[in-house]
Amino acid sequence: MATTLSIDTQLLDNAQKIGGLKTRKDTVTLALEEFAKRRKQAEILSLFGTLDDAGEHDYKKARQRSAK
C-alpha cells in the first residue's frame, strides 16, 4: 500500500545512517516495528506486581518430577 507522508528528511536520513539501512522504506519499517515492540514491552512491564500472591504454594514441590 503506497502512502504519502510528510517526514522530517533530516531525521529520516539520520535514522537511516545510524541503522545502516539501504532505503528510507527499510528505515521507516524498522522504526515502526521497534515502536510497536517497545509499546508491547511497556504494557507487559506494567502488569508486574499486579498478580495476587500465591500464598503458601510450594513451588519447589510443584517442580519435582514424579518418580517412575
PDB file of N, CA and C in Angstrom:
ATOM      1  N   MET A   1       0.850  -1.167   0.000  1.00  0.00           N
ATOM      2  CA  MET A   1       0.000   0.000   0.000  1.00  0.00           C
ATOM      3  C   MET A   1       0.897   1.231   0.000  1.00  0.00           C
ATOM      4  N   ALA A   2       0.765   2.034  -0.987  1.00  0.00           N
ATOM      5  CA  ALA A   2       1.539   3.272  -1.070  1.00  0.00           C
ATOM      6  C   ALA A   2       0.885   4.340  -0.203  1.00  0.00           C
ATOM      7  N   THR A   3       1.726   5.024   0.585  1.00  0.00           N
ATOM      8  CA  THR A   3       1.241   6.066   1.468  1.00  0.00           C
ATOM      9  C   THR A   3       2.166   7.265   1.370  1.00  0.00           C
ATOM     10  N   THR A   4       1.591   8.425   1.298  1.00  0.00           N
ATOM     11  CA  THR A   4       2.388   9.640   1.255  1.00  0.00           C
ATOM     12  C   THR A   4       2.383  10.267   2.644  1.00  0.00           C
ATOM     13  N   LEU A   5       3.591  10.488   3.170  1.00  0.00           N
ATOM     14  CA  LEU A   5       3.734  11.085   4.485  1.00  0.00           C
ATOM     15  C   LEU A   5       4.716  12.239   4.416  1.00  0.00           C
ATOM     16  N   SER A   6       4.522  13.195   5.268  1.00  0.00           N
ATOM     17  CA  SER A   6       5.459  14.295   5.384  1.00  0.00           C
ATOM     18  C   SER A   6       6.350  14.008   6.586  1.00  0.00           C
ATOM     19  N   ILE A   7       7.576  13.550   6.310  1.00  0.00           N
ATOM     20  CA  ILE A   7       8.503  13.161   7.363  1.00  0.00           C
ATOM     21  C   ILE A   7       9.720  14.066   7.293  1.00  0.00           C
ATOM     22  N   ASP A   8      10.206  14.471   8.460  1.00  0.00           N
ATOM     23  CA  ASP A   8      11.412  15.287   8.550  1.00  0.00           C
ATOM     24  C   ASP A   8      12.559  14.528   7.864  1.00  0.00           C
ATOM     25  N   THR A   9      13.034  15.026   6.741  1.00  0.00           N
ATOM     26  CA  THR A   9      14.050  14.310   5.963  1.00  0.00           C
ATOM     27  C   THR A   9      15.379  14.201   6.704  1.00  0.00           C
ATOM     28  N   GLN A  10      15.724  15.222   7.489  1.00  0.00           N
ATOM     29  CA  GLN A  10      16.961  15.149   8.267  1.00  0.00           C
ATOM     30  C   GLN A  10      16.892  14.024   9.294  1.00  0.00           C
ATOM     31  N   LEU A  11      15.756  13.924   9.950  1.00  0.00           N
ATOM     32  CA  LEU A  11      15.543  12.874  10.942  1.00  0.00           C
ATOM     33  C   LEU A  11      15.570  11.498  10.276  1.00  0.00           C
ATOM     34  N   LEU A  12      14.916  11.384   9.153  1.00  0.00           N
ATOM     35  CA  LEU A  12      14.866  10.117   8.425  1.00  0.00           C
ATOM     36  C   LEU A  12      16.253   9.715   7.937  1.00  0.00           C
ATOM     37  N   ASP A  13      16.998  10.657   7.369  1.00  0.00           N
ATOM     38  CA  ASP A  13      18.345  10.369   6.883  1.00  0.00           C
ATOM     39  C   ASP A  13      19.269   9.968   8.033  1.00  0.00           C
ATOM     40  N   ASN A  14      19.134  10.631   9.183  1.00  0.00           N
ATOM     41  CA  ASN A  14      19.940  10.312  10.347  1.00  0.00           C
ATOM     42  C   ASN A  14      19.630   8.900  10.846  1.00  0.00           C
ATOM     43  N   ALA A  15      18.358   8.567  10.929  1.00  0.00           N
ATOM     44  CA  ALA A  15      17.953   7.229  11.366  1.00  0.00           C
ATOM     45  C   ALA A  15      18.450   6.165  10.391  1.00  0.00           C
ATOM     46  N   GLN A  16      18.397   6.463   9.111  1.00  0.00           N
ATOM     47  CA  GLN A  16      18.864   5.519   8.096  1.00  0.00           C
ATOM     48  C   GLN A  16      20.365   5.279   8.242  1.00  0.00           C
ATOM     49  N   LYS A  17      21.103   6.337   8.477  1.00  0.00           N
ATOM     50  CA  LYS A  17      22.552   6.228   8.637  1.00  0.00           C
ATOM     51  C   LYS A  17      22.892   5.440   9.905  1.00  0.00           C
ATOM     52  N   ILE A  18      22.245   5.780  11.020  1.00  0.00           N
ATOM     53  CA  ILE A  18      22.504   5.101  12.289  1.00  0.00           C
ATOM     54  C   ILE A  18      22.147   3.619  12.199  1.00  0.00           C
ATOM     55  N   GLY A  19      21.038   3.330  11.529  1.00  0.00           N
ATOM     56  CA  GLY A  19      20.588   1.949  11.405  1.00  0.00           C
ATOM     57  C   GLY A  19      21.355   1.151  10.370  1.00  0.00           C
ATOM     58  N   GLY A  20      22.138   1.840   9.544  1.00  0.00           N
ATOM     59  CA  GLY A  20      22.881   1.149   8.494  1.00  0.00           C
ATOM     60  C   GLY A  20      21.973   0.530   7.451  1.00  0.00           C
ATOM     61  N   LEU A  21      20.841   1.196   7.217  1.00  0.00           N
ATOM     62  CA  LEU A  21      19.851   0.661   6.288  1.00  0.00           C
ATOM     63  C   LEU A  21      20.038   1.261   4.898  1.00  0.00           C
ATOM     64  N   LYS A  22      19.624   0.512   3.877  1.00  0.00           N
ATOM     65  CA  LYS A  22      19.846   0.941   2.500  1.00  0.00           C
ATOM     66  C   LYS A  22      18.783   1.910   1.994  1.00  0.00           C
ATOM     67  N   THR A  23      17.544   1.729   2.448  1.00  0.00           N
ATOM     68  CA  THR A  23      16.459   2.554   1.904  1.00  0.00           C
ATOM     69  C   THR A  23      15.691   3.259   3.014  1.00  0.00           C
ATOM     70  N   ARG A  24      14.993   4.291   2.629  1.00  0.00           N
ATOM     71  CA  ARG A  24      14.133   5.004   3.580  1.00  0.00           C
ATOM     72  C   ARG A  24      12.964   4.124   4.000  1.00  0.00           C
ATOM     73  N   LYS A  25      12.486   3.332   3.058  1.00  0.00           N
ATOM     74  CA  LYS A  25      11.385   2.418   3.366  1.00  0.00           C
ATOM     75  C   LYS A  25      11.799   1.440   4.466  1.00  0.00           C
ATOM     76  N   ASP A  26      13.004   0.870   4.336  1.00  0.00           N
ATOM     77  CA  ASP A  26      13.504  -0.044   5.367  1.00  0.00           C
ATOM     78  C   ASP A  26      13.620   0.666   6.715  1.00  0.00           C
ATOM     79  N   THR A  27      14.039   1.923   6.670  1.00  0.00           N
ATOM     80  CA  THR A  27      14.197   2.712   7.890  1.00  0.00           C
ATOM     81  C   THR A  27      12.860   2.929   8.584  1.00  0.00           C
ATOM     82  N   VAL A  28      11.861   3.314   7.820  1.00  0.00           N
ATOM     83  CA  VAL A  28      10.534   3.555   8.397  1.00  0.00           C
ATOM     84  C   VAL A  28       9.928   2.248   8.905  1.00  0.00           C
ATOM     85  N   THR A  29      10.094   1.173   8.163  1.00  0.00           N
ATOM     86  CA  THR A  29       9.560  -0.127   8.573  1.00  0.00           C
ATOM     87  C   THR A  29      10.185  -0.572   9.888  1.00  0.00           C
ATOM     88  N   LEU A  30      11.509  -0.478   9.983  1.00  0.00           N
ATOM     89  CA  LEU A  30      12.187  -0.862  11.213  1.00  0.00           C
ATOM     90  C   LEU A  30      11.758   0.018  12.384  1.00  0.00           C
ATOM     91  N   ALA A  31      11.637   1.308  12.138  1.00  0.00           N
ATOM     92  CA  ALA A  31      11.225   2.233  13.200  1.00  0.00           C
ATOM     93  C   ALA A  31       9.829   1.881  13.720  1.00  0.00           C
ATOM     94  N   LEU A  32       8.919   1.563  12.827  1.00  0.00           N
ATOM     95  CA  LEU A  32       7.564   1.200  13.242  1.00  0.00           C
ATOM     96  C   LEU A  32       7.549  -0.122  14.000  1.00  0.00           C
ATOM     97  N   GLU A  33       8.357  -1.089  13.549  1.00  0.00           N
ATOM     98  CA  GLU A  33       8.433  -2.374  14.249  1.00  0.00           C
ATOM     99  C   GLU A  33       8.973  -2.183  15.665  1.00  0.00           C
ATOM    100  N   GLU A  34      10.040  -1.385  15.786  1.00  0.00           N
ATOM    101  CA  GLU A  34      10.626  -1.136  17.105  1.00  0.00           C
ATOM    102  C   GLU A  34       9.670  -0.367  18.003  1.00  0.00           C
ATOM    103  N   PHE A  35       8.943   0.568  17.452  1.00  0.00           N
ATOM    104  CA  PHE A  35       7.950   1.331  18.212  1.00  0.00           C
ATOM    105  C   PHE A  35       6.892   0.391  18.786  1.00  0.00           C
ATOM    106  N   ALA A  36       6.345  -0.471  17.931  1.00  0.00           N
ATOM    107  CA  ALA A  36       5.305  -1.404  18.366  1.00  0.00           C
ATOM    108  C   ALA A  36       5.844  -2.363  19.418  1.00  0.00           C
ATOM    109  N   LYS A  37       7.067  -2.852  19.237  1.00  0.00           N
ATOM    110  CA  LYS A  37       7.675  -3.783  20.182  1.00  0.00           C
ATOM    111  C   LYS A  37       7.863  -3.129  21.553  1.00  0.00           C
ATOM    112  N   ARG A  38       8.329  -1.884  21.563  1.00  0.00           N
ATOM    113  CA  ARG A  38       8.532  -1.179  22.830  1.00  0.00           C
ATOM    114  C   ARG A  38       7.211  -0.935  23.559  1.00  0.00           C
ATOM    115  N   ARG A  39       6.175  -0.605  22.820  1.00  0.00           N
ATOM    116  CA  ARG A  39       4.868  -0.384  23.449  1.00  0.00           C
ATOM    117  C   ARG A  39       4.333  -1.679  24.061  1.00  0.00           C
ATOM    118  N   LYS A  40       4.523  -2.799  23.363  1.00  0.00           N
ATOM    119  CA  LYS A  40       4.084  -4.085  23.901  1.00  0.00           C
ATOM    120  C   LYS A  40       4.869  -4.434  25.159  1.00  0.00           C
ATOM    121  N   GLN A  41       6.183  -4.171  25.131  1.00  0.00           N
ATOM    122  CA  GLN A  41       7.016  -4.441  26.296  1.00  0.00           C
ATOM    123  C   GLN A  41       6.573  -3.589  27.484  1.00  0.00           C
ATOM    124  N   ALA A  42       6.279  -2.337  27.235  1.00  0.00           N
ATOM    125  CA  ALA A  42       5.829  -1.441  28.308  1.00  0.00           C
ATOM    126  C   ALA A  42       4.510  -1.926  28.894  1.00  0.00           C
ATOM    127  N   GLU A  43       3.643  -2.435  28.039  1.00  0.00           N
ATOM    128  CA  GLU A  43       2.357  -2.963  28.511  1.00  0.00           C
ATOM    129  C   GLU A  43       2.570  -4.179  29.404  1.00  0.00           C
ATOM    130  N   ILE A  44       3.482  -5.051  28.998  1.00  0.00           N
ATOM    131  CA  ILE A  44       3.775  -6.245  29.794  1.00  0.00           C
ATOM    132  C   ILE A  44       4.406  -5.847  31.125  1.00  0.00           C
ATOM    133  N   LEU A  45       5.353  -4.898  31.087  1.00  0.00           N
ATOM    134  CA  LEU A  45       6.003  -4.451  32.315  1.00  0.00           C
ATOM    135  C   LEU A  45       5.016  -3.843  33.299  1.00  0.00           C
ATOM    136  N   SER A  46       3.992  -3.200  32.780  1.00  0.00           N
ATOM    137  CA  SER A  46       3.005  -2.580  33.669  1.00  0.00           C
ATOM    138  C   SER A  46       2.207  -3.627  34.442  1.00  0.00           C
ATOM    139  N   LEU A  47       2.231  -4.873  33.989  1.00  0.00           N
ATOM    140  CA  LEU A  47       1.494  -5.940  34.660  1.00  0.00           C
ATOM    141  C   LEU A  47       2.247  -6.522  35.850  1.00  0.00           C
ATOM    142  N   PHE A  48       3.573  -6.304  35.912  1.00  0.00           N
ATOM    143  CA  PHE A  48       4.349  -6.848  37.020  1.00  0.00           C
ATOM    144  C   PHE A  48       3.856  -6.278  38.338  1.00  0.00           C
ATOM    145  N   GLY A  49       3.699  -7.152  39.287  1.00  0.00           N
ATOM    146  CA  GLY A  49       3.235  -6.742  40.609  1.00  0.00           C
ATOM    147  C   GLY A  49       1.732  -6.659  40.725  1.00  0.00           C
ATOM    148  N   THR A  50       1.011  -6.981  39.663  1.00  0.00           N
ATOM    149  CA  THR A  50      -0.448  -6.887  39.723  1.00  0.00           C
ATOM    150  C   THR A  50      -1.115  -8.231  39.993  1.00  0.00           C
ATOM    151  N   LEU A  51      -0.337  -9.317  39.941  1.00  0.00           N
ATOM    152  CA  LEU A  51      -0.909 -10.633  40.195  1.00  0.00           C
ATOM    153  C   LEU A  51      -0.969 -10.888  41.692  1.00  0.00           C
ATOM    154  N   ASP A  52      -1.989 -11.596  42.117  1.00  0.00           N
ATOM    155  CA  ASP A  52      -2.135 -11.940  43.528  1.00  0.00           C
ATOM    156  C   ASP A  52      -1.049 -12.915  43.943  1.00  0.00           C
ATOM    157  N   ASP A  53      -0.617 -12.818  45.173  1.00  0.00           N
ATOM    158  CA  ASP A  53       0.377 -13.723  45.735  1.00  0.00           C
ATOM    159  C   ASP A  53      -0.237 -15.112  45.847  1.00  0.00           C
ATOM    160  N   ALA A  54       0.577 -16.121  45.566  1.00  0.00           N
ATOM    161  CA  ALA A  54       0.094 -17.499  45.616  1.00  0.00           C
ATOM    162  C   ALA A  54       0.000 -18.020  47.047  1.00  0.00           C
ATOM    163  N   GLY A  55       0.419 -17.217  47.994  1.00  0.00           N
ATOM    164  CA  GLY A  55       0.312 -17.633  49.390  1.00  0.00           C
ATOM    165  C   GLY A  55       1.297 -18.713  49.760  1.00  0.00           C
ATOM    166  N   GLU A  56       0.777 -19.818  50.256  1.00  0.00           N
ATOM    167  CA  GLU A  56       1.623 -20.894  50.771  1.00  0.00           C
ATOM    168  C   GLU A  56       1.962 -21.947  49.717  1.00  0.00           C
ATOM    169  N   HIS A  57       1.831 -21.643  48.474  1.00  0.00           N
ATOM    170  CA  HIS A  57       2.118 -22.616  47.414  1.00  0.00           C
ATOM    171  C   HIS A  57       3.589 -23.000  47.444  1.00  0.00           C
ATOM    172  N   ASP A  58       3.892 -24.305  47.396  1.00  0.00           N
ATOM    173  CA  ASP A  58       5.259 -24.811  47.432  1.00  0.00           C
ATOM    174  C   ASP A  58       5.754 -24.989  45.998  1.00  0.00           C
ATOM    175  N   TYR A  59       6.480 -23.993  45.490  1.00  0.00           N
ATOM    176  CA  TYR A  59       6.958 -24.029  44.109  1.00  0.00           C
ATOM    177  C   TYR A  59       7.947 -25.162  43.873  1.00  0.00           C
ATOM    178  N   LYS A  60       8.824 -25.422  44.830  1.00  0.00           N
ATOM    179  CA  LYS A  60       9.811 -26.484  44.665  1.00  0.00           C
ATOM    180  C   LYS A  60       9.130 -27.844  44.548  1.00  0.00           C
ATOM    181  N   LYS A  61       8.140 -28.079  45.365  1.00  0.00           N
ATOM    182  CA  LYS A  61       7.420 -29.348  45.310  1.00  0.00           C
ATOM    183  C   LYS A  61       6.693 -29.497  43.969  1.00  0.00           C
ATOM    184  N   ALA A  62       6.149 -28.426  43.476  1.00  0.00           N
ATOM    185  CA  ALA A  62       5.417 -28.468  42.208  1.00  0.00           C
ATOM    186  C   ALA A  62       6.342 -28.740  41.029  1.00  0.00           C
ATOM    187  N   ARG A  63       7.625 -28.363  41.160  1.00  0.00           N
ATOM    188  CA  ARG A  63       8.582 -28.580  40.066  1.00  0.00           C
ATOM    189  C   ARG A  63       9.149 -29.990  40.045  1.00  0.00           C
ATOM    190  N   GLN A  64       9.055 -30.704  41.146  1.00  0.00           N
ATOM    191  CA  GLN A  64       9.633 -32.049  41.204  1.00  0.00           C
ATOM    192  C   GLN A  64       8.874 -32.990  40.278  1.00  0.00           C
ATOM    193  N   ARG A  65       9.647 -33.816  39.600  1.00  0.00           N
ATOM    194  CA  ARG A  65       9.020 -34.796  38.705  1.00  0.00           C
ATOM    195  C   ARG A  65       8.611 -36.012  39.516  1.00  0.00           C
ATOM    196  N   SER A  66       7.553 -36.610  39.106  1.00  0.00           N
ATOM    197  CA  SER A  66       7.105 -37.807  39.820  1.00  0.00           C
ATOM    198  C   SER A  66       8.053 -38.965  39.510  1.00  0.00           C
ATOM    199  N   ALA A  67       8.331 -39.769  40.509  1.00  0.00           N
ATOM    200  CA  ALA A  67       9.231 -40.905  40.339  1.00  0.00           C
ATOM    201  C   ALA A  67       8.525 -41.999  39.573  1.00  0.00           C
ATOM    202  N   LYS A  68       9.234 -42.562  38.613  1.00  0.00           N
ATOM    203  CA  LYS A  68       8.635 -43.629  37.782  1.00  0.00           C
ATOM    204  C   LYS A  68       9.338 -44.932  37.993  1.00  0.00           C
TER     205      LYS A  68
END
